[in-house]
Every structure is written in C-alpha cells, then in structure tokens.
Amino acid sequence: MATDTNHIALMFNDIAPTYDKLNHILSLNVDKSWRRKAVRRLKKSLANISNQKILDVACGTADSTIQIAKTVEDAKIIGIDISDGMLKIGEEKVEKLGLNDRIAFCKSCAENIEFQDDTFDAVFVAFGVRNFSDRSKGLTEILRVLKPNGTLMVLELSEPQNVIIRWFYNLYFKNILPFIGKRVSGNGDAYRYLQNTVERFPMPKEFMTMLETVGYQDVKHKALSCGLCRIYQAKKA
C-alpha cells in the first residue's frame, strides 16, 4: 500500500504545476460548477452548526478548500494531501487570497488521518476517493474523525450510464485526454491513470453500499452532467 501511495504522490508532484490549467481545459470548466454544487450542499448540511470545522481530504491545489471557505463563511478548514507539490500550490493560492486565517494544510493520507476522533463537523472529498490506496480504510478513517451527526460529502467522476454519452466519454477519456495531458504536462501516463481510476471506481449503488458497510447512515447521491460526475452524501450516527 505504501508503494502505491508513494507512486501516486510522485505522479501528482510531477503534474502539480499544470494541474489546475489542465483540469479546467479538460473539463471545459465544468469542474468549477460541480464543486460549487457540492459545496452548497455541504453548507446546507451545516446550517444549524456555528464555527464549523471542516476537513478537505485529498485537497490537491485547494480549489475545493477555497470554495468551501468562500461559501461556508464561519468555517475553519484543514486541507490534507499526500503530494507536497500540490500542497505548495494550494498554500500559495490561499495566501494570495488572504485566507490563511481560515485555511491550514498538512501532509497526510486518507488511510491515516492525523486527527483525533470526533474532530470535524464535515469532511469533503473532491475527485480523491478513487486515489485512496485502501478505499474502505480511508472511508473508515474519515468516519472516525467526523463528529456524531457529521456529514461526508464526496464529489467524484463517474462513467455515464447512457450508451451514446458513454461512447463519446470513452473516446475522450481514452484518446483525447491523455494526448492533451501529455502535451501540456509532459506526463501522459498521469492522465491514463485518471481514466483507469474512473473506470475502476464502483458504480453508484456499489459505492453507496460500501459507505453503509463501513458505518455511514442516510447515504444518498445525485448525478451531475448526465452522470459524468456524482455527489455522494452521508452521515455519521
């Protein structure tokens, strides 16, 4: 498991300088809309809680972390990631926006979160669960650090169910995305890895069952953009 984690960290370190640019190009900026929708749901789940404490797991370059800070005005957010390169860019973005008083970062993996039990009112994971080296362990760790009645919000890419849309999706992911990824970042393998992790990610019913199996309650999901992305929401008892 450690080898996989180290390999993933090195890969993301390599593409960190072009990560944001490529994300927005490859998704035609739709990823920003997906994040906003998920964060609005997160805010709604925290409506009756003051001075919220939120953990952003696999925060990358902090796009989601910053969106949370802008949307959930009273929250303190901690972002964790395994990639030093991604965290460095996230820290620079947060400093430029003057959000240092509300956002902090630390290097940590989802399978071994370095916080005490019942610490966070909510945990947010955007496009990161498919990179967990041990998915069940990571989800269990997140459950551990959530406070009772705390919310887990997962935003994750998904293979669309519609046959026609899936044909275009496969054409894009298997041919166009790695080509553009290699031209811009110099690392085509990283974007083939992206395609593979999306293909291997559980179908919605299977992932919801996994969440329930590790102990989450009130599990639900919403498809975005014809199923290209999904929001999963769950509670800790």
Foldseek 3Di string as FASTA:
>chain_A
DVVLLVVVQVVLLLQLVCVVVLVCVLVVNVVLVLLLVLLVVQLVLCVPPAAFEEEEEQCFLPPSVVSNCVPNVNYAYEYEHQHPNRVVNNVVVCVVVVNVVRYYYDYDHLLDDPDAFQAGLEYEYEQPLLSHPDNLSSLLSRLRNHHAFHKYKYKHFEQFPDPVVNVVVCCCQVPVSLVVCCVRSVDSVVSVVSVVSRVPDDDPVVVQVSSVVSAWAPWDKDADPNNRMMMIMTTHD
